[in-house]
N, C-alpha and C. Protein backbone atom coordinates (compact mmCIF):
# COMPACT_ATOMS: atom_id res chain seq x y z
N UNK A 1 1.11 -1.29 0.06
CA UNK A 1 0.02 0.17 0.17
C UNK A 1 0.51 0.94 0.00
N UNK A 2 1.94 0.92 0.41
CA UNK A 2 2.66 2.12 0.46
C UNK A 2 3.12 2.47 -1.16
N UNK A 3 3.40 1.59 -1.83
CA UNK A 3 3.76 2.46 -3.15
C UNK A 3 3.08 2.62 -3.79
N UNK A 4 2.11 2.90 -3.17
CA UNK A 4 0.71 3.70 -4.93
C UNK A 4 0.79 4.89 -3.90
N UNK A 5 1.21 5.33 -2.19
CA UNK A 5 1.45 6.64 -1.73
C UNK A 5 2.33 7.74 -2.31
N UNK A 6 3.91 6.79 -2.77
CA UNK A 6 4.38 7.48 -2.57
C UNK A 6 4.33 7.66 -4.22
N UNK A 7 4.22 7.02 -5.51
CA UNK A 7 4.17 7.30 -6.60
C UNK A 7 3.30 8.65 -6.72
N UNK A 8 2.03 8.73 -5.66
CA UNK A 8 0.83 9.92 -6.10
C UNK A 8 1.78 11.27 -5.66
N UNK A 9 2.84 11.19 -4.31
CA UNK A 9 2.94 11.93 -3.83
C UNK A 9 4.03 12.88 -3.99
N UNK A 10 5.00 11.92 -4.96
CA UNK A 10 5.94 12.32 -6.26
C UNK A 10 5.74 13.50 -6.72
N UNK A 11 4.08 12.64 -7.50
CA UNK A 11 3.23 13.53 -8.72
C UNK A 11 2.96 15.05 -7.80
N UNK A 12 2.64 14.50 -6.81
CA UNK A 12 1.80 16.34 -6.21
C UNK A 12 3.04 17.24 -6.18
N UNK A 13 4.31 16.50 -5.51
CA UNK A 13 5.21 17.20 -5.35
C UNK A 13 5.68 17.74 -6.90
N UNK A 14 6.06 17.37 -7.65
CA UNK A 14 6.01 17.99 -9.17
C UNK A 14 5.27 19.01 -9.43
N UNK A 15 3.83 17.95 -9.71
CA UNK A 15 2.99 19.91 -10.03
C UNK A 15 3.07 20.38 -9.17
N UNK A 16 3.09 20.87 -8.00
CA UNK A 16 3.29 21.99 -6.96
C UNK A 16 4.75 22.96 -7.50
N UNK A 17 6.03 21.99 -7.61
CA UNK A 17 6.80 22.70 -8.32
C UNK A 17 6.79 22.96 -9.60
N UNK A 18 6.34 22.59 -10.18
CA UNK A 18 5.81 23.08 -11.78
C UNK A 18 4.87 24.26 -11.35
N UNK A 19 4.25 24.63 -11.27
CA UNK A 19 3.12 25.88 -11.26
C UNK A 19 3.87 26.70 -10.19
N UNK A 20 4.93 26.54 -9.24
CA UNK A 20 5.62 27.47 -8.65
C UNK A 20 6.48 28.08 -9.45
N UNK A 21 7.01 27.51 -10.22
CA UNK A 21 8.23 27.66 -11.22
C UNK A 21 7.61 28.54 -12.27
N UNK A 22 6.77 28.16 -12.46
CA UNK A 22 5.69 28.61 -14.20
C UNK A 22 5.10 30.07 -13.48
N UNK A 23 5.37 30.26 -12.30
CA UNK A 23 4.22 31.63 -11.89
C UNK A 23 5.27 32.34 -10.87
N UNK A 24 6.77 32.02 -11.08
CA UNK A 24 7.88 33.03 -10.51
C UNK A 24 8.26 33.72 -11.50
N UNK A 25 8.27 35.15 -10.63
CA UNK A 25 9.17 35.89 -12.25
C UNK A 25 9.87 36.84 -11.59
N UNK A 26 11.11 36.61 -12.00
CA UNK A 26 12.55 37.11 -11.16
C UNK A 26 12.61 38.69 -11.98
N UNK A 27 12.40 39.93 -11.46
CA UNK A 27 12.57 41.06 -12.15
C UNK A 27 14.38 40.94 -12.60
N UNK A 28 14.52 41.79 -13.62
CA UNK A 28 15.92 42.13 -14.19
C UNK A 28 16.65 42.77 -13.31
N UNK A 29 17.63 42.61 -12.78
CA UNK A 29 18.69 43.51 -12.03
C UNK A 29 19.78 43.89 -12.77
N UNK A 30 20.29 44.93 -12.38
CA UNK A 30 20.77 46.16 -13.12
C UNK A 30 22.29 45.07 -13.51
N UNK A 31 22.82 44.08 -12.33
CA UNK A 31 23.52 43.26 -12.76
C UNK A 31 23.72 42.12 -13.60
N UNK A 32 23.12 41.88 -14.01
CA UNK A 32 22.66 40.56 -14.88
C UNK A 32 23.08 41.37 -16.71
N UNK A 33 23.85 40.84 -17.46
CA UNK A 33 23.83 41.53 -19.00
C UNK A 33 22.71 41.77 -19.40
N UNK A 34 22.88 42.77 -20.17
CA UNK A 34 21.57 43.24 -21.15
C UNK A 34 22.03 42.28 -22.87
N UNK A 35 21.00 42.42 -22.96
CA UNK A 35 21.22 41.70 -25.04
C UNK A 35 21.32 42.62 -25.55
N UNK A 36 22.62 43.32 -26.25
CA UNK A 36 23.37 44.13 -26.73
C UNK A 36 22.60 43.82 -28.04
N UNK A 37 22.28 45.08 -29.36
CA UNK A 37 21.58 44.77 -30.59
C UNK A 37 22.12 43.63 -31.10
N UNK A 38 21.62 42.74 -32.41
CA UNK A 38 22.15 42.18 -33.01
C UNK A 38 22.67 42.61 -34.12
N UNK A 39 22.46 44.10 -34.77
CA UNK A 39 22.82 44.25 -35.40
C UNK A 39 24.48 44.46 -35.89
N UNK A 40 25.00 44.44 -37.02
CA UNK A 40 26.66 44.54 -37.39
C UNK A 40 27.32 45.72 -36.49
N UNK A 41 28.26 45.50 -36.20
CA UNK A 41 29.27 46.62 -35.37
C UNK A 41 29.93 47.27 -36.70
N UNK A 42 30.10 46.62 -37.56
CA UNK A 42 30.88 47.30 -38.92
C UNK A 42 30.28 47.06 -39.98
N UNK A 43 30.92 47.90 -40.97
CA UNK A 43 30.82 47.95 -42.23
C UNK A 43 31.48 48.08 -43.03
N UNK A 44 31.93 47.34 -44.41
CA UNK A 44 33.16 47.37 -44.88
C UNK A 44 32.75 47.31 -46.39
N UNK A 45 33.87 48.36 -47.02
CA UNK A 45 33.70 48.61 -48.08
C UNK A 45 35.15 48.78 -48.74
N UNK A 46 35.47 49.78 -50.25
CA UNK A 46 36.25 49.79 -50.58
C UNK A 46 36.29 51.73 -50.82
N UNK A 47 37.20 52.01 -51.04
CA UNK A 47 37.29 53.51 -51.60
C UNK A 47 36.45 53.81 -53.08
N UNK A 48 37.00 53.12 -53.69
CA UNK A 48 36.98 52.68 -55.24
C UNK A 48 36.45 51.72 -55.14
N UNK A 49 35.55 51.26 -56.58
CA UNK A 49 34.70 49.93 -57.17
C UNK A 49 35.70 49.27 -57.86
N UNK A 50 36.75 49.98 -58.61
CA UNK A 50 37.94 49.15 -59.61
C UNK A 50 39.36 49.93 -59.16
N UNK A 51 40.25 49.11 -58.81
CA UNK A 51 41.65 49.41 -58.77
C UNK A 51 42.64 49.39 -60.04
N UNK A 52 44.12 49.57 -60.53
CA UNK A 52 44.50 49.41 -61.78
C UNK A 52 45.86 48.67 -61.22
N UNK A 53 45.85 47.90 -61.09
CA UNK A 53 47.27 46.82 -61.35
C UNK A 53 48.56 47.87 -61.40
N UNK A 54 49.32 47.92 -60.97
CA UNK A 54 50.76 48.51 -60.98
C UNK A 54 51.80 47.78 -61.17
N UNK A 55 52.31 48.19 -62.10
CA UNK A 55 53.32 47.49 -62.17
C UNK A 55 55.11 47.41 -60.62
N UNK A 56 55.86 46.74 -60.51
CA UNK A 56 56.13 47.16 -59.31
C UNK A 56 57.82 46.66 -59.97
N UNK A 57 58.13 46.34 -61.20
CA UNK A 57 59.08 46.63 -61.97
C UNK A 57 60.36 45.74 -61.75
N UNK A 58 59.83 44.74 -60.95
CA UNK A 58 60.69 43.34 -60.77
C UNK A 58 60.55 42.46 -61.97
N UNK A 59 60.56 41.90 -62.84
CA UNK A 59 60.16 41.10 -63.99
C UNK A 59 60.81 39.90 -63.15
N UNK A 60 59.99 38.86 -63.57
CA UNK A 60 60.74 37.41 -62.98
C UNK A 60 60.67 37.02 -61.72
N UNK A 61 60.06 37.70 -61.15
CA UNK A 61 60.78 37.46 -59.36
C UNK A 61 59.71 36.61 -58.80
N UNK A 62 58.57 35.91 -59.69
CA UNK A 62 57.54 35.46 -58.93
C UNK A 62 58.05 34.08 -58.24
N UNK A 63 57.92 33.29 -57.25
CA UNK A 63 56.88 33.65 -56.34
C UNK A 63 56.71 34.82 -55.14
N UNK A 64 58.43 35.02 -54.79
CA UNK A 64 58.78 36.18 -53.89
C UNK A 64 58.25 37.61 -54.17
N UNK A 65 58.17 37.97 -55.68
CA UNK A 65 57.81 39.52 -56.20
C UNK A 65 57.06 38.89 -56.94
N UNK A 66 55.73 39.58 -56.70
CA UNK A 66 54.66 39.82 -58.25
C UNK A 66 55.14 40.73 -58.84
N UNK A 67 54.87 40.21 -60.36
CA UNK A 67 55.27 41.79 -60.75
C UNK A 67 54.24 42.61 -61.25
N UNK A 68 52.71 42.70 -60.42
CA UNK A 68 52.14 43.99 -60.63
C UNK A 68 51.48 43.81 -58.69
N UNK A 69 50.69 45.02 -58.65
CA UNK A 69 50.40 44.87 -57.40
C UNK A 69 48.91 45.95 -57.47
N UNK A 70 47.66 45.38 -56.65
CA UNK A 70 46.74 46.05 -56.34
C UNK A 70 46.73 46.95 -55.15
N UNK A 71 46.97 48.21 -55.68
CA UNK A 71 46.57 48.90 -53.84
C UNK A 71 45.17 49.44 -53.60
N UNK A 72 44.82 49.13 -52.77
CA UNK A 72 43.14 48.64 -52.13
C UNK A 72 43.29 49.16 -50.87
N UNK A 73 41.85 50.75 -51.10
CA UNK A 73 41.63 51.07 -49.62
C UNK A 73 40.85 50.28 -49.35
N UNK A 74 40.95 50.12 -47.91
CA UNK A 74 39.84 49.10 -47.44
C UNK A 74 39.03 50.07 -46.73
N UNK A 75 37.92 50.58 -46.36
CA UNK A 75 37.15 51.13 -45.80
C UNK A 75 36.30 50.76 -44.55
N UNK A 76 36.45 50.94 -43.17
CA UNK A 76 35.93 49.91 -42.40
C UNK A 76 35.40 50.84 -41.69
N UNK A 77 33.70 51.13 -41.11
CA UNK A 77 33.03 52.28 -40.61
C UNK A 77 32.42 51.03 -39.49
N UNK A 78 32.35 51.50 -38.22
CA UNK A 78 31.91 51.44 -37.17
C UNK A 78 30.69 52.05 -36.99
N UNK A 79 29.73 51.31 -37.17
CA UNK A 79 28.19 51.73 -36.76
C UNK A 79 27.51 51.91 -35.73
N UNK A 80 28.37 51.58 -34.16
CA UNK A 80 27.59 51.79 -33.14
C UNK A 80 28.67 52.34 -32.46
N UNK A 81 28.14 52.16 -30.62
CA UNK A 81 28.95 53.17 -30.04
C UNK A 81 30.05 52.10 -29.44
N UNK A 82 30.61 51.35 -29.92
CA UNK A 82 31.80 50.40 -29.22
C UNK A 82 32.83 50.21 -30.82
N UNK A 83 34.24 50.46 -30.03
CA UNK A 83 34.92 50.29 -30.55
C UNK A 83 35.40 48.94 -31.22
N UNK A 84 35.93 48.96 -32.48
CA UNK A 84 35.97 47.30 -33.68
C UNK A 84 37.59 47.15 -33.28
N UNK A 85 38.54 45.96 -33.39
CA UNK A 85 38.95 45.79 -33.88
C UNK A 85 39.54 44.85 -34.98
N UNK A 86 40.36 45.35 -36.28
CA UNK A 86 40.67 44.41 -36.70
C UNK A 86 41.41 43.31 -36.80
N UNK A 87 41.34 41.82 -36.94
CA UNK A 87 42.07 40.64 -36.49
C UNK A 87 42.92 40.22 -37.07
N UNK A 88 41.89 40.24 -38.26
CA UNK A 88 42.66 39.76 -39.53
C UNK A 88 42.06 40.42 -40.81
N UNK A 89 43.19 39.99 -41.88
CA UNK A 89 42.64 40.52 -43.10
C UNK A 89 43.03 39.65 -43.82
N UNK A 90 41.96 39.12 -44.75
CA UNK A 90 42.56 37.89 -45.69
C UNK A 90 42.08 38.70 -47.43
N UNK A 91 43.30 38.52 -47.98
CA UNK A 91 43.31 38.95 -49.47
C UNK A 91 43.88 37.98 -50.38
N UNK A 92 42.38 38.01 -51.73
CA UNK A 92 42.49 36.72 -52.97
C UNK A 92 42.69 37.37 -54.07
N UNK A 93 42.94 37.23 -55.10
CA UNK A 93 43.27 37.58 -56.16
C UNK A 93 42.64 36.31 -57.62
N UNK A 94 41.58 36.87 -57.93
CA UNK A 94 41.35 35.69 -59.22
C UNK A 94 41.02 36.58 -60.32
N UNK A 95 41.63 35.56 -61.36
CA UNK A 95 42.10 36.38 -62.70
C UNK A 95 40.90 35.99 -63.43
N UNK A 96 40.21 36.47 -64.61
CA UNK A 96 39.31 35.92 -65.44
C UNK A 96 38.80 34.40 -65.36
N UNK A 97 40.05 34.14 -65.66
CA UNK A 97 40.02 32.59 -66.15
C UNK A 97 39.80 31.79 -65.04
N UNK A 98 39.75 32.23 -63.69
CA UNK A 98 39.13 31.78 -61.96
C UNK A 98 40.87 31.02 -61.66
N UNK A 99 41.91 31.33 -62.54
CA UNK A 99 43.24 31.23 -61.80
C UNK A 99 43.41 31.99 -60.54
N UNK A 100 43.51 31.18 -59.51
CA UNK A 100 43.84 31.96 -58.08
C UNK A 100 45.31 32.49 -57.68
N UNK A 101 45.40 33.53 -57.46
CA UNK A 101 46.74 33.39 -56.69
C UNK A 101 46.90 33.07 -55.04
N UNK A 102 47.92 32.73 -54.57
CA UNK A 102 47.53 32.34 -53.43
C UNK A 102 46.94 33.49 -52.14
N UNK A 103 46.42 33.02 -51.20
CA UNK A 103 45.84 34.08 -50.38
C UNK A 103 46.79 34.65 -49.53
N UNK A 104 46.94 35.91 -49.50
CA UNK A 104 47.54 37.27 -48.29
C UNK A 104 47.12 36.87 -46.77
N UNK A 105 47.15 36.72 -46.25
CA UNK A 105 46.65 36.98 -44.75
C UNK A 105 47.82 38.06 -43.83
N UNK A 106 46.62 38.84 -43.40
CA UNK A 106 47.43 39.92 -42.53
C UNK A 106 46.65 40.23 -41.03
N UNK A 107 47.31 39.49 -40.12
CA UNK A 107 46.70 38.97 -38.66
C UNK A 107 47.23 40.18 -38.05
N UNK A 108 46.73 40.48 -36.53
CA UNK A 108 46.81 41.55 -35.60
C UNK A 108 47.94 42.32 -35.19
N UNK A 109 48.98 41.69 -35.37
CA UNK A 109 50.32 41.63 -35.21
C UNK A 109 50.83 42.55 -35.98
N UNK A 110 50.88 41.86 -37.61
CA UNK A 110 51.47 42.35 -38.59
C UNK A 110 50.02 43.85 -38.73
N UNK A 111 48.96 43.69 -38.71
CA UNK A 111 48.27 44.50 -38.88
C UNK A 111 48.75 46.29 -37.70
N UNK A 112 49.05 45.90 -36.72
CA UNK A 112 49.42 46.79 -35.98
C UNK A 112 51.31 47.54 -36.44
N UNK A 113 51.77 46.45 -36.71
CA UNK A 113 52.96 46.51 -37.44
C UNK A 113 52.89 47.41 -38.18
N UNK A 114 52.07 47.41 -39.58
CA UNK A 114 52.30 48.11 -40.78
C UNK A 114 51.20 49.41 -40.39
N UNK A 115 50.21 49.44 -39.22
CA UNK A 115 49.22 50.47 -39.65
C UNK A 115 49.07 51.73 -38.01
N UNK A 116 49.95 50.68 -37.35
CA UNK A 116 50.36 51.82 -36.09
C UNK A 116 49.28 51.33 -34.95
N UNK A 117 48.34 50.76 -35.20
CA UNK A 117 46.58 50.02 -34.94
C UNK A 117 45.92 49.41 -35.78
N UNK A 118 45.22 48.52 -34.89
CA UNK A 118 43.85 48.05 -35.43
C UNK A 118 42.61 48.68 -35.05
N UNK A 119 42.71 49.47 -34.37
CA UNK A 119 41.32 49.81 -33.85
C UNK A 119 40.67 50.79 -34.70
N UNK A 120 39.51 50.70 -34.65
CA UNK A 120 38.31 51.68 -35.46
C UNK A 120 37.60 51.80 -34.30
N UNK A 121 37.51 53.38 -33.84
CA UNK A 121 37.07 53.82 -33.03
C UNK A 121 35.40 53.75 -33.00
N UNK A 122 34.58 53.82 -32.18
CA UNK A 122 33.01 53.90 -32.06
C UNK A 122 32.72 55.08 -33.34
N UNK A 123 31.65 54.87 -33.79
CA UNK A 123 31.14 56.06 -34.70
C UNK A 123 32.24 56.75 -35.66
N UNK A 124 33.22 55.89 -36.13
CA UNK A 124 34.08 56.66 -36.83
C UNK A 124 34.17 55.75 -37.97
N UNK A 125 34.98 56.55 -39.13
CA UNK A 125 35.71 55.59 -40.05
C UNK A 125 37.05 55.21 -40.46
N UNK A 126 37.55 54.26 -41.07
CA UNK A 126 38.94 54.42 -41.13
C UNK A 126 39.13 53.98 -42.50
N UNK A 127 40.80 53.95 -42.92
CA UNK A 127 40.91 53.50 -44.37
C UNK A 127 42.12 52.74 -43.91
N UNK A 128 42.00 51.69 -44.44
CA UNK A 128 43.53 50.76 -44.65
C UNK A 128 44.10 50.57 -45.78
N UNK A 129 45.16 51.13 -46.34
CA UNK A 129 45.73 51.23 -47.65
C UNK A 129 46.38 49.53 -47.48
N UNK A 130 45.93 48.66 -48.23
CA UNK A 130 46.38 47.30 -48.83
C UNK A 130 47.21 47.64 -50.08
N UNK A 131 48.28 46.32 -50.23
CA UNK A 131 48.48 46.22 -51.25
C UNK A 131 48.76 44.58 -51.57
N UNK A 132 47.80 44.39 -52.81
CA UNK A 132 47.50 42.88 -53.07
C UNK A 132 48.52 42.58 -54.31
N UNK A 133 49.43 41.87 -53.95
CA UNK A 133 50.52 40.90 -55.45
C UNK A 133 49.51 40.40 -56.31
N UNK A 134 49.54 40.51 -57.77
CA UNK A 134 49.15 39.86 -58.78
C UNK A 134 50.00 39.51 -59.87
N UNK A 135 49.41 39.01 -60.31
CA UNK A 135 50.24 38.34 -61.98
C UNK A 135 51.18 37.29 -61.86
N UNK A 136 51.19 36.24 -60.74
CA UNK A 136 52.15 35.09 -61.10
C UNK A 136 51.25 33.62 -61.20
N UNK A 137 51.75 33.94 -62.80
CA UNK A 137 50.49 32.74 -63.24
C UNK A 137 49.53 33.21 -63.37
N UNK A 138 48.82 34.31 -63.13
CA UNK A 138 47.54 34.60 -63.52
C UNK A 138 47.54 36.02 -64.59
N UNK A 139 46.74 36.53 -65.00
CA UNK A 139 46.40 37.70 -65.90
C UNK A 139 46.39 38.89 -64.64
N UNK A 140 46.75 39.87 -65.34
CA UNK A 140 46.69 41.10 -64.10
C UNK A 140 45.42 41.81 -63.79
N UNK A 141 44.47 41.55 -64.74
CA UNK A 141 42.94 42.01 -64.57
C UNK A 141 42.58 41.20 -63.74
N UNK A 142 41.19 41.25 -62.96
CA UNK A 142 40.49 40.52 -62.25
C UNK A 142 39.63 40.59 -61.39
N UNK A 143 39.29 40.08 -60.09
CA UNK A 143 38.99 40.32 -59.29
C UNK A 143 39.31 40.14 -57.83
N UNK A 144 39.78 40.98 -56.92
CA UNK A 144 40.33 40.92 -55.36
C UNK A 144 39.32 40.90 -54.48
N UNK A 145 39.17 39.74 -53.75
CA UNK A 145 38.33 39.99 -52.19
C UNK A 145 39.43 40.11 -51.61
N UNK A 146 38.87 40.61 -50.40
CA UNK A 146 38.94 40.75 -49.23
C UNK A 146 37.86 40.68 -48.17
N UNK A 147 38.26 39.98 -46.97
CA UNK A 147 37.89 39.21 -46.10
C UNK A 147 38.44 40.35 -44.88
N UNK A 148 37.33 40.50 -43.94
CA UNK A 148 38.16 40.96 -42.28
C UNK A 148 37.25 40.49 -41.56
N UNK A 149 38.09 40.68 -40.23
CA UNK A 149 37.26 39.80 -39.10
C UNK A 149 37.78 40.93 -37.83
N UNK A 150 36.82 41.06 -37.23
CA UNK A 150 36.94 42.20 -36.16
C UNK A 150 36.44 41.22 -34.82
N UNK A 151 36.96 41.83 -33.66
CA UNK A 151 36.37 41.51 -32.52
C UNK A 151 36.25 43.00 -32.05
N UNK A 152 34.97 43.07 -31.38
CA UNK A 152 34.90 44.40 -30.88
C UNK A 152 34.98 44.57 -29.25
N UNK A 153 34.55 45.50 -28.80
CA UNK A 153 35.00 45.48 -27.21
C UNK A 153 34.33 45.03 -26.56
N UNK A 154 33.23 44.20 -26.42
CA UNK A 154 32.56 43.41 -25.95
C UNK A 154 32.88 41.74 -26.12
N UNK A 155 34.01 41.54 -27.13
CA UNK A 155 33.86 40.20 -27.48
C UNK A 155 33.59 40.08 -28.36
N UNK A 156 32.46 40.49 -29.34
CA UNK A 156 31.73 40.00 -30.04
C UNK A 156 32.85 40.02 -31.66
N UNK A 157 32.64 38.97 -32.29
CA UNK A 157 33.55 38.49 -33.45
C UNK A 157 32.52 38.93 -34.59
N UNK A 158 33.01 39.03 -35.57
CA UNK A 158 32.09 39.72 -36.83
C UNK A 158 33.43 39.67 -38.19
N UNK A 159 32.66 39.16 -39.51
CA UNK A 159 33.38 38.77 -40.34
C UNK A 159 32.72 39.67 -41.67
N UNK A 160 33.56 40.02 -42.88
CA UNK A 160 32.87 40.81 -43.92
C UNK A 160 33.54 40.62 -44.71
N UNK A 161 32.77 41.11 -46.10
CA UNK A 161 33.86 40.27 -47.29
C UNK A 161 33.45 42.08 -48.03
N UNK A 162 34.62 41.93 -49.20
CA UNK A 162 34.35 43.10 -50.16
C UNK A 162 34.90 42.73 -51.48
N UNK A 163 34.84 42.82 -52.64
CA UNK A 163 35.35 42.58 -53.38
C UNK A 163 35.73 44.21 -54.46
N UNK A 164 37.04 44.08 -54.99
CA UNK A 164 37.35 45.29 -56.08
C UNK A 164 37.37 44.92 -57.39
N UNK A 165 37.18 45.40 -57.96
CA UNK A 165 37.79 45.14 -59.81
C UNK A 165 38.98 45.53 -59.96
N UNK A 166 39.91 44.41 -60.69
CA UNK A 166 41.14 44.71 -60.86
C UNK A 166 41.38 45.03 -62.47
N UNK A 167 41.99 46.29 -62.64
CA UNK A 167 42.12 46.55 -64.81
C UNK A 167 43.33 46.83 -64.52
């Protein structure tokens, strides 16, 4: 007889705890994290939609020195009120025949050395002057793709990509 009492008391206990949990409202305290807007922290573009590949004057230097370089002005605009740090920039050139040059990756230490800082301050725009080697086994005309990885001051990561025609 005790077996039938035990399951019904457990069922009653579960029913009471379920009702009490569902009706309990915990007020939000100021120390709890608040959800930030889900929108993008930064946007990426180039200063011009087309760049011209320029001769570097070293014929036959491939793969160490490509015969041409494409100057790309990467524009990073921070839309919100939080600073953004560029953590990595990856660039790749593809010619009209879909032949790709090896990817060029600039990580945070290189970015800091090259640009002084990888910081883009809140509500501001910053332009990064990049140089992409082209022409080692490829045509000098094509498309340059730039992928940018960022981390904002709250630790949120974001990636974006922009392409520019190379003539």
